[in-house]
């Protein structure tokens, strides 16, 4: 579990957010494609879900946790109606808190397990997966930014 690398992944995505023209943040390039703001909203959902998982797993094994459906969450929370700068700030602050929590995880808790229908996952695996998820969406965000810019410029 490399928290320094994880912080770097967060910093790279945060730099993207800070360099985003808010005028582009709500452009939808296709009916089934999230806007840039919706991508950030999804990452807020990821932070919120993982916050609960991390806190519960620090205390012991986790037997049950509600499922997460990204499409439904993004739709019902209407992230595209949010101010982009505020959404980016919220994501930044949430990740500040998650990094604080991750730094405080006792070594003895890293192998606590979340029992899932598709198999058990350790807290260590979830933390590593959290950073991988941000990294994957960093690529998606960059690609979407290119599509948005092309869409606007024609």
Protein backbone atom coordinates (compact mmCIF):
# COMPACT_ATOMS: atom_id res chain seq x y z
CA UNK A 1 0.00 0.00 0.00
CA UNK A 2 1.92 2.99 -1.32
CA UNK A 3 0.21 6.10 0.06
CA UNK A 4 2.80 8.41 -1.50
CA UNK A 5 1.91 7.04 -4.93
CA UNK A 6 -1.78 7.32 -4.04
CA UNK A 7 -1.35 10.97 -3.07
CA UNK A 8 0.36 11.57 -6.40
CA UNK A 9 -2.63 10.02 -8.25
CA UNK A 10 -4.95 12.34 -6.32
CA UNK A 11 -2.73 15.35 -7.07
CA UNK A 12 -2.66 14.56 -10.81
CA UNK A 13 -6.46 14.40 -10.98
CA UNK A 14 -6.77 17.53 -8.86
CA UNK A 15 -4.48 19.40 -11.27
CA UNK A 16 -6.78 18.34 -14.12
CA UNK A 17 -9.77 19.70 -12.24
CA UNK A 18 -8.02 22.99 -11.54
CA UNK A 19 -7.11 23.37 -15.22
CA UNK A 20 -10.65 22.63 -16.47
CA UNK A 21 -12.56 25.51 -18.00
CA UNK A 22 -15.90 25.46 -16.12
CA UNK A 23 -17.64 26.33 -19.40
CA UNK A 24 -16.70 22.85 -20.65
CA UNK A 25 -17.68 20.95 -17.52
CA UNK A 26 -21.35 20.47 -18.46
CA UNK A 27 -21.01 19.62 -22.15
CA UNK A 28 -22.54 16.23 -22.95
CA UNK A 29 -20.88 14.69 -26.03
CA UNK A 30 -23.37 11.80 -26.26
CA UNK A 31 -26.59 10.83 -24.54
CA UNK A 32 -24.89 7.97 -22.70
CA UNK A 33 -21.66 9.85 -21.83
CA UNK A 34 -21.11 11.55 -18.50
CA UNK A 35 -20.16 15.21 -18.46
CA UNK A 36 -16.92 16.19 -16.75
CA UNK A 37 -18.95 17.28 -13.73
CA UNK A 38 -20.66 13.89 -13.60
CA UNK A 39 -17.28 12.13 -13.66
CA UNK A 40 -16.26 14.19 -10.63
CA UNK A 41 -19.60 13.40 -8.97
CA UNK A 42 -19.00 9.71 -9.54
CA UNK A 43 -15.60 10.05 -7.88
CA UNK A 44 -17.28 11.76 -4.91
CA UNK A 45 -19.57 8.72 -4.69
CA UNK A 46 -16.51 6.49 -4.78
CA UNK A 47 -14.93 8.49 -1.97
CA UNK A 48 -18.11 8.33 0.12
CA UNK A 49 -18.59 4.58 -0.37
CA UNK A 50 -14.95 3.85 0.33
CA UNK A 51 -14.92 6.13 3.37
CA UNK A 52 -17.57 3.91 4.95
CA UNK A 53 -15.83 0.71 3.87
CA UNK A 54 -12.46 1.87 5.21
CA UNK A 55 -13.84 3.04 8.56
CA UNK A 56 -15.82 -0.16 9.06
CA UNK A 57 -12.92 -2.41 8.04
CA UNK A 58 -10.51 -0.66 10.41
CA UNK A 59 -12.82 -1.89 13.17
CA UNK A 60 -13.03 -5.48 11.93
CA UNK A 61 -14.36 -7.65 9.14
CA UNK A 62 -17.32 -6.41 7.11
CA UNK A 63 -20.06 -8.88 6.34
CA UNK A 64 -22.59 -6.72 4.52
CA UNK A 65 -22.49 -3.42 2.69
CA UNK A 66 -25.09 -1.97 0.32
CA UNK A 67 -24.36 -2.29 -3.41
CA UNK A 68 -23.36 0.72 -5.47
CA UNK A 69 -24.79 1.37 -8.96
CA UNK A 70 -22.77 4.18 -10.51
CA UNK A 71 -25.24 5.06 -13.27
CA UNK A 72 -28.20 5.31 -10.90
CA UNK A 73 -26.25 7.32 -8.31
CA UNK A 74 -25.03 9.84 -10.90
CA UNK A 75 -28.52 10.19 -12.37
CA UNK A 76 -30.51 10.56 -9.14
CA UNK A 77 -28.04 12.98 -7.57
CA UNK A 78 -28.11 15.21 -10.66
CA UNK A 79 -24.42 16.04 -10.50
CA UNK A 80 -24.53 17.87 -13.81
CA UNK A 81 -26.67 20.51 -12.09
CA UNK A 82 -23.88 21.23 -9.59
CA UNK A 83 -21.38 24.04 -9.85
CA UNK A 84 -18.20 22.48 -11.25
CA UNK A 85 -15.77 24.44 -9.04
CA UNK A 86 -17.70 23.49 -5.90
CA UNK A 87 -17.84 19.83 -6.96
CA UNK A 88 -14.08 19.84 -7.60
CA UNK A 89 -13.44 21.46 -4.21
CA UNK A 90 -15.66 18.88 -2.50
CA UNK A 91 -13.78 16.01 -4.20
CA UNK A 92 -10.45 17.56 -3.15
CA UNK A 93 -11.53 17.94 0.48
CA UNK A 94 -13.03 14.44 0.65
CA UNK A 95 -9.76 12.98 -0.58
CA UNK A 96 -7.84 15.01 1.98
CA UNK A 97 -9.95 13.27 4.65
CA UNK A 98 -9.52 9.82 3.08
CA UNK A 99 -5.74 10.25 3.00
CA UNK A 100 -5.84 11.17 6.70
CA UNK A 101 -7.83 8.00 7.42
CA UNK A 102 -5.54 5.83 5.28
CA UNK A 103 -2.45 7.12 7.07
CA UNK A 104 -4.08 6.14 10.39
CA UNK A 105 -4.91 2.54 9.41
CA UNK A 106 -3.18 0.20 11.84
CA UNK A 107 -1.11 -2.51 10.15
CA UNK A 108 -3.21 -5.09 11.99
CA UNK A 109 -6.36 -3.90 10.16
CA UNK A 110 -4.99 -4.14 6.61
CA UNK A 111 -6.03 -7.77 6.23
CA UNK A 112 -9.56 -7.30 7.63
CA UNK A 113 -11.94 -8.66 5.03
CA UNK A 114 -15.10 -7.45 3.33
CA UNK A 115 -17.21 -10.47 2.42
CA UNK A 116 -18.68 -9.78 -1.03
CA UNK A 117 -20.81 -11.99 -3.29
CA UNK A 118 -17.89 -12.17 -5.75
CA UNK A 119 -15.33 -12.98 -3.07
CA UNK A 120 -13.63 -11.43 -0.05
CA UNK A 121 -11.47 -8.31 -0.36
CA UNK A 122 -9.03 -7.00 2.22
CA UNK A 123 -8.83 -3.41 3.38
CA UNK A 124 -5.38 -3.26 1.77
CA UNK A 125 -6.88 -4.32 -1.58
CA UNK A 126 -9.67 -1.74 -1.28
CA UNK A 127 -7.23 1.09 -0.59
CA UNK A 128 -5.07 0.10 -3.56
CA UNK A 129 -8.19 -0.26 -5.72
CA UNK A 130 -9.38 3.20 -4.70
CA UNK A 131 -6.27 4.77 -6.21
CA UNK A 132 -6.50 2.58 -9.32
CA UNK A 133 -10.10 3.74 -9.77
CA UNK A 134 -9.07 7.41 -9.67
CA UNK A 135 -6.27 6.68 -12.11
CA UNK A 136 -8.67 4.96 -14.53
CA UNK A 137 -11.06 7.92 -14.36
CA UNK A 138 -8.15 10.32 -14.90
CA UNK A 139 -7.70 8.71 -18.31
CA UNK A 140 -11.45 8.85 -18.96
CA UNK A 141 -11.52 12.51 -17.91
CA UNK A 142 -8.68 13.41 -20.30
CA UNK A 143 -10.39 11.59 -23.17
CA UNK A 144 -13.71 13.25 -22.37
CA UNK A 145 -12.01 16.66 -22.22
CA UNK A 146 -10.66 16.09 -25.74
CA UNK A 147 -14.13 15.07 -26.99
CA UNK A 148 -15.73 18.07 -25.30
CA UNK A 149 -13.20 20.45 -26.83
CA UNK A 150 -13.72 18.88 -30.28
CA UNK A 151 -17.49 19.03 -29.80
CA UNK A 152 -17.35 22.75 -28.91
CA UNK A 153 -14.88 23.73 -31.64
CA UNK A 154 -16.62 21.57 -34.24
